[in-house]
Amino acid sequence: MGTGIPAGRQLRRRHVTQNTAAGFASGATITLTAAGRLTLNGVARPVRVTISARRDGTALQVAGSIPVVFATWGVKGPAGFGFLGSLADHGTAEFLLTLRR
């Protein structure tokens, strides 16, 4: 406190501003890893996800996916479909966000 060293949100904001202005031109794509919490079926767990972001003028498109093992989240796996057999015990949660100013 009072050390003059930026921390938390201020440091993050400065990092994003500097890196966005210098190296994230319109049409460029960057890939990075983000940490967060995913809640499925009422169960919240920490996750790390690799996301790709692409700037298109004033819009920012962000996409990623997270592998999901159903049992980890308390999700009952899908039942078999007769002669087709059973389905996998895992899946993928995918997302695509378009952010605009």
N, C-alpha and C. Protein backbone atom coordinates (compact mmCIF):
# COMPACT_ATOMS: atom_id res chain seq x y z
N MET A 1 0.83 -1.16 0.00
CA MET A 1 0.00 0.00 0.00
C MET A 1 0.88 1.23 0.00
N GLY A 2 0.74 1.98 -1.06
CA GLY A 2 1.56 3.16 -1.19
C GLY A 2 2.96 2.85 -1.69
N THR A 3 3.18 1.63 -2.20
CA THR A 3 4.52 1.25 -2.66
C THR A 3 4.79 1.75 -4.07
N GLY A 4 3.76 2.14 -4.79
CA GLY A 4 3.95 2.59 -6.16
C GLY A 4 4.00 1.45 -7.16
N ILE A 5 3.86 0.21 -6.70
CA ILE A 5 3.85 -0.94 -7.60
C ILE A 5 2.39 -1.29 -7.90
N PRO A 6 1.99 -1.20 -9.18
CA PRO A 6 0.59 -1.50 -9.51
C PRO A 6 0.27 -2.97 -9.25
N ALA A 7 -0.94 -3.23 -8.82
CA ALA A 7 -1.33 -4.61 -8.52
C ALA A 7 -2.76 -4.85 -8.96
N GLY A 8 -3.12 -6.12 -9.03
CA GLY A 8 -4.49 -6.51 -9.29
C GLY A 8 -5.05 -5.95 -10.58
N ARG A 9 -6.21 -5.33 -10.47
CA ARG A 9 -6.91 -4.81 -11.64
C ARG A 9 -6.12 -3.76 -12.40
N GLN A 10 -5.45 -2.89 -11.68
CA GLN A 10 -4.66 -1.83 -12.33
C GLN A 10 -3.56 -2.44 -13.19
N LEU A 11 -2.85 -3.42 -12.68
CA LEU A 11 -1.78 -4.07 -13.43
C LEU A 11 -2.35 -4.81 -14.63
N ARG A 12 -3.44 -5.53 -14.42
CA ARG A 12 -4.09 -6.27 -15.51
C ARG A 12 -4.56 -5.32 -16.60
N ARG A 13 -5.19 -4.21 -16.22
CA ARG A 13 -5.69 -3.23 -17.19
C ARG A 13 -4.53 -2.65 -18.00
N ARG A 14 -3.42 -2.32 -17.34
CA ARG A 14 -2.27 -1.76 -18.04
C ARG A 14 -1.68 -2.79 -19.00
N HIS A 15 -1.56 -4.04 -18.54
CA HIS A 15 -1.01 -5.11 -19.40
C HIS A 15 -1.88 -5.29 -20.64
N VAL A 16 -3.20 -5.38 -20.46
CA VAL A 16 -4.11 -5.59 -21.60
C VAL A 16 -4.05 -4.39 -22.54
N THR A 17 -4.06 -3.19 -21.99
CA THR A 17 -4.01 -1.99 -22.84
C THR A 17 -2.74 -1.93 -23.65
N GLN A 18 -1.61 -2.18 -23.03
CA GLN A 18 -0.33 -2.11 -23.74
C GLN A 18 -0.24 -3.21 -24.80
N ASN A 19 -0.62 -4.41 -24.46
CA ASN A 19 -0.51 -5.52 -25.41
C ASN A 19 -1.56 -5.46 -26.50
N THR A 20 -2.72 -4.91 -26.19
CA THR A 20 -3.76 -4.79 -27.20
C THR A 20 -3.40 -3.72 -28.21
N ALA A 21 -2.97 -2.60 -27.75
CA ALA A 21 -2.65 -1.49 -28.65
C ALA A 21 -1.47 -1.83 -29.55
N ALA A 22 -0.46 -2.49 -29.02
CA ALA A 22 0.76 -2.73 -29.78
C ALA A 22 0.68 -3.96 -30.66
N GLY A 23 0.11 -5.05 -30.16
CA GLY A 23 0.24 -6.30 -30.89
C GLY A 23 -1.05 -6.99 -31.23
N PHE A 24 -2.16 -6.32 -31.18
CA PHE A 24 -3.43 -6.98 -31.42
C PHE A 24 -4.23 -6.18 -32.43
N ALA A 25 -3.68 -6.11 -33.63
CA ALA A 25 -4.33 -5.34 -34.70
C ALA A 25 -5.59 -6.05 -35.16
N SER A 26 -6.48 -5.32 -35.79
CA SER A 26 -7.71 -5.90 -36.30
C SER A 26 -7.39 -7.07 -37.22
N GLY A 27 -8.08 -8.19 -37.01
CA GLY A 27 -7.84 -9.39 -37.80
C GLY A 27 -6.84 -10.33 -37.16
N ALA A 28 -6.06 -9.84 -36.22
CA ALA A 28 -5.06 -10.69 -35.55
C ALA A 28 -5.74 -11.60 -34.54
N THR A 29 -5.15 -12.75 -34.31
CA THR A 29 -5.66 -13.72 -33.34
C THR A 29 -4.58 -13.97 -32.29
N ILE A 30 -5.00 -14.01 -31.03
CA ILE A 30 -4.09 -14.38 -29.95
C ILE A 30 -4.68 -15.58 -29.21
N THR A 31 -3.82 -16.35 -28.59
CA THR A 31 -4.24 -17.50 -27.81
C THR A 31 -3.63 -17.36 -26.42
N LEU A 32 -4.46 -17.59 -25.41
CA LEU A 32 -3.97 -17.53 -24.03
C LEU A 32 -4.76 -18.46 -23.15
N THR A 33 -4.30 -18.64 -21.94
CA THR A 33 -4.96 -19.52 -20.98
C THR A 33 -5.63 -18.67 -19.92
N ALA A 34 -6.88 -19.02 -19.61
CA ALA A 34 -7.64 -18.30 -18.59
C ALA A 34 -8.07 -19.27 -17.50
N ALA A 35 -8.17 -18.77 -16.29
CA ALA A 35 -8.63 -19.58 -15.16
C ALA A 35 -10.00 -19.07 -14.73
N GLY A 36 -10.83 -19.99 -14.27
CA GLY A 36 -12.15 -19.58 -13.80
C GLY A 36 -12.83 -20.74 -13.09
N ARG A 37 -14.14 -20.60 -12.90
CA ARG A 37 -14.94 -21.65 -12.27
C ARG A 37 -16.06 -22.00 -13.23
N LEU A 38 -16.27 -23.29 -13.41
CA LEU A 38 -17.36 -23.78 -14.25
C LEU A 38 -18.35 -24.49 -13.35
N THR A 39 -19.63 -24.16 -13.48
CA THR A 39 -20.68 -24.81 -12.71
C THR A 39 -21.56 -25.59 -13.67
N LEU A 40 -21.65 -26.88 -13.44
CA LEU A 40 -22.53 -27.76 -14.21
C LEU A 40 -23.31 -28.61 -13.22
N ASN A 41 -24.60 -28.71 -13.43
CA ASN A 41 -25.44 -29.57 -12.60
C ASN A 41 -25.31 -29.21 -11.11
N GLY A 42 -25.09 -27.93 -10.82
CA GLY A 42 -24.96 -27.46 -9.44
C GLY A 42 -23.61 -27.70 -8.80
N VAL A 43 -22.65 -28.24 -9.56
CA VAL A 43 -21.31 -28.51 -9.05
C VAL A 43 -20.33 -27.52 -9.67
N ALA A 44 -19.64 -26.75 -8.82
CA ALA A 44 -18.67 -25.75 -9.30
C ALA A 44 -17.25 -26.28 -9.09
N ARG A 45 -16.45 -26.14 -10.11
CA ARG A 45 -15.05 -26.59 -10.03
C ARG A 45 -14.17 -25.57 -10.72
N PRO A 46 -12.92 -25.42 -10.25
CA PRO A 46 -11.98 -24.53 -10.95
C PRO A 46 -11.56 -25.17 -12.27
N VAL A 47 -11.42 -24.35 -13.29
CA VAL A 47 -11.00 -24.84 -14.61
C VAL A 47 -9.96 -23.89 -15.20
N ARG A 48 -9.17 -24.41 -16.10
CA ARG A 48 -8.25 -23.61 -16.92
C ARG A 48 -8.62 -23.92 -18.36
N VAL A 49 -8.73 -22.90 -19.16
CA VAL A 49 -9.15 -23.08 -20.53
C VAL A 49 -8.27 -22.27 -21.47
N THR A 50 -7.91 -22.87 -22.59
CA THR A 50 -7.18 -22.13 -23.62
C THR A 50 -8.21 -21.44 -24.49
N ILE A 51 -8.07 -20.14 -24.62
CA ILE A 51 -9.01 -19.37 -25.43
C ILE A 51 -8.28 -18.70 -26.59
N SER A 52 -9.00 -18.53 -27.67
CA SER A 52 -8.50 -17.79 -28.82
C SER A 52 -9.36 -16.55 -28.96
N ALA A 53 -8.70 -15.43 -29.15
CA ALA A 53 -9.42 -14.16 -29.31
C ALA A 53 -9.00 -13.51 -30.62
N ARG A 54 -9.99 -12.98 -31.32
CA ARG A 54 -9.72 -12.31 -32.60
C ARG A 54 -10.42 -10.97 -32.59
N ARG A 55 -9.66 -9.95 -32.92
CA ARG A 55 -10.22 -8.60 -32.98
C ARG A 55 -10.68 -8.34 -34.40
N ASP A 56 -11.90 -7.81 -34.52
CA ASP A 56 -12.47 -7.47 -35.82
C ASP A 56 -13.07 -6.07 -35.70
N GLY A 57 -12.26 -5.06 -35.99
CA GLY A 57 -12.72 -3.68 -35.81
C GLY A 57 -12.93 -3.40 -34.34
N THR A 58 -14.17 -3.05 -33.98
CA THR A 58 -14.46 -2.76 -32.57
C THR A 58 -14.97 -3.99 -31.83
N ALA A 59 -15.13 -5.11 -32.52
CA ALA A 59 -15.62 -6.35 -31.88
C ALA A 59 -14.45 -7.25 -31.51
N LEU A 60 -14.65 -8.03 -30.47
CA LEU A 60 -13.68 -9.02 -30.04
C LEU A 60 -14.41 -10.35 -29.95
N GLN A 61 -13.93 -11.35 -30.69
CA GLN A 61 -14.52 -12.69 -30.65
C GLN A 61 -13.61 -13.59 -29.83
N VAL A 62 -14.19 -14.28 -28.86
CA VAL A 62 -13.44 -15.14 -27.97
C VAL A 62 -14.07 -16.54 -28.01
N ALA A 63 -13.25 -17.56 -28.24
CA ALA A 63 -13.76 -18.93 -28.32
C ALA A 63 -12.87 -19.85 -27.51
N GLY A 64 -13.48 -20.91 -27.01
CA GLY A 64 -12.72 -21.90 -26.27
C GLY A 64 -13.57 -23.12 -25.99
N SER A 65 -12.95 -24.11 -25.38
CA SER A 65 -13.68 -25.32 -25.01
C SER A 65 -13.03 -25.94 -23.78
N ILE A 66 -13.85 -26.67 -23.04
CA ILE A 66 -13.40 -27.31 -21.81
C ILE A 66 -13.86 -28.76 -21.85
N PRO A 67 -12.92 -29.71 -21.72
CA PRO A 67 -13.34 -31.11 -21.66
C PRO A 67 -14.10 -31.38 -20.36
N VAL A 68 -15.17 -32.16 -20.44
CA VAL A 68 -16.01 -32.44 -19.28
C VAL A 68 -16.17 -33.95 -19.14
N VAL A 69 -15.74 -34.49 -18.00
CA VAL A 69 -16.01 -35.89 -17.65
C VAL A 69 -17.28 -35.85 -16.80
N PHE A 70 -18.34 -36.46 -17.28
CA PHE A 70 -19.65 -36.33 -16.65
C PHE A 70 -19.64 -36.66 -15.16
N ALA A 71 -18.97 -37.74 -14.76
CA ALA A 71 -18.96 -38.16 -13.35
C ALA A 71 -18.36 -37.09 -12.44
N THR A 72 -17.38 -36.35 -12.92
CA THR A 72 -16.74 -35.30 -12.14
C THR A 72 -17.74 -34.23 -11.73
N TRP A 73 -18.72 -34.01 -12.57
CA TRP A 73 -19.71 -32.95 -12.35
C TRP A 73 -21.04 -33.49 -11.83
N GLY A 74 -21.09 -34.78 -11.52
CA GLY A 74 -22.33 -35.36 -11.01
C GLY A 74 -23.40 -35.47 -12.08
N VAL A 75 -22.99 -35.57 -13.34
CA VAL A 75 -23.94 -35.69 -14.44
C VAL A 75 -24.05 -37.17 -14.80
N LYS A 76 -25.26 -37.66 -14.84
CA LYS A 76 -25.48 -39.06 -15.23
C LYS A 76 -25.20 -39.18 -16.73
N GLY A 77 -24.38 -40.15 -17.06
CA GLY A 77 -24.04 -40.36 -18.47
C GLY A 77 -25.25 -40.77 -19.29
N PRO A 78 -25.19 -40.55 -20.59
CA PRO A 78 -26.31 -40.93 -21.45
C PRO A 78 -26.47 -42.45 -21.50
N ALA A 79 -27.71 -42.90 -21.65
CA ALA A 79 -28.00 -44.33 -21.73
C ALA A 79 -27.67 -44.85 -23.12
N GLY A 80 -27.58 -46.15 -23.23
CA GLY A 80 -27.32 -46.76 -24.53
C GLY A 80 -28.49 -46.57 -25.48
N PHE A 81 -28.23 -46.73 -26.75
CA PHE A 81 -29.26 -46.57 -27.76
C PHE A 81 -29.40 -47.87 -28.56
N GLY A 82 -29.85 -48.91 -27.86
CA GLY A 82 -30.10 -50.19 -28.53
C GLY A 82 -28.88 -50.72 -29.24
N PHE A 83 -29.04 -51.03 -30.51
CA PHE A 83 -27.94 -51.62 -31.27
C PHE A 83 -26.78 -50.65 -31.49
N LEU A 84 -26.99 -49.37 -31.23
CA LEU A 84 -25.90 -48.39 -31.38
C LEU A 84 -24.91 -48.48 -30.23
N GLY A 85 -25.28 -49.15 -29.15
CA GLY A 85 -24.38 -49.27 -28.01
C GLY A 85 -24.52 -48.10 -27.07
N SER A 86 -23.49 -47.88 -26.26
CA SER A 86 -23.54 -46.80 -25.28
C SER A 86 -22.77 -45.59 -25.82
N LEU A 87 -22.98 -44.49 -25.16
CA LEU A 87 -22.31 -43.25 -25.53
C LEU A 87 -21.15 -42.98 -24.59
N ALA A 88 -20.31 -42.04 -24.93
CA ALA A 88 -19.12 -41.71 -24.13
C ALA A 88 -19.51 -41.15 -22.76
N ASP A 89 -18.59 -41.27 -21.80
CA ASP A 89 -18.80 -40.75 -20.45
C ASP A 89 -18.22 -39.35 -20.30
N HIS A 90 -17.96 -38.71 -21.42
CA HIS A 90 -17.38 -37.37 -21.39
C HIS A 90 -17.89 -36.56 -22.59
N GLY A 91 -17.66 -35.27 -22.53
CA GLY A 91 -18.07 -34.38 -23.61
C GLY A 91 -17.21 -33.13 -23.59
N THR A 92 -17.65 -32.12 -24.32
CA THR A 92 -16.92 -30.86 -24.41
C THR A 92 -17.90 -29.70 -24.27
N ALA A 93 -17.58 -28.78 -23.37
CA ALA A 93 -18.35 -27.54 -23.25
C ALA A 93 -17.63 -26.49 -24.10
N GLU A 94 -18.31 -26.00 -25.12
CA GLU A 94 -17.71 -25.01 -26.03
C GLU A 94 -18.40 -23.67 -25.86
N PHE A 95 -17.66 -22.60 -26.13
CA PHE A 95 -18.27 -21.27 -26.08
C PHE A 95 -17.67 -20.37 -27.14
N LEU A 96 -18.49 -19.42 -27.57
CA LEU A 96 -18.08 -18.37 -28.51
C LEU A 96 -18.77 -17.09 -28.06
N LEU A 97 -17.98 -16.10 -27.74
CA LEU A 97 -18.50 -14.80 -27.30
C LEU A 97 -18.11 -13.75 -28.32
N THR A 98 -19.03 -12.84 -28.61
CA THR A 98 -18.71 -11.68 -29.42
C THR A 98 -18.95 -10.45 -28.56
N LEU A 99 -17.88 -9.73 -28.28
CA LEU A 99 -17.94 -8.55 -27.41
C LEU A 99 -17.82 -7.30 -28.28
N ARG A 100 -18.69 -6.35 -28.06
CA ARG A 100 -18.66 -5.10 -28.83
C ARG A 100 -18.63 -3.91 -27.90
N ARG A 101 -18.01 -2.85 -28.38
CA ARG A 101 -18.00 -1.61 -27.59
C ARG A 101 -19.30 -0.91 -27.74
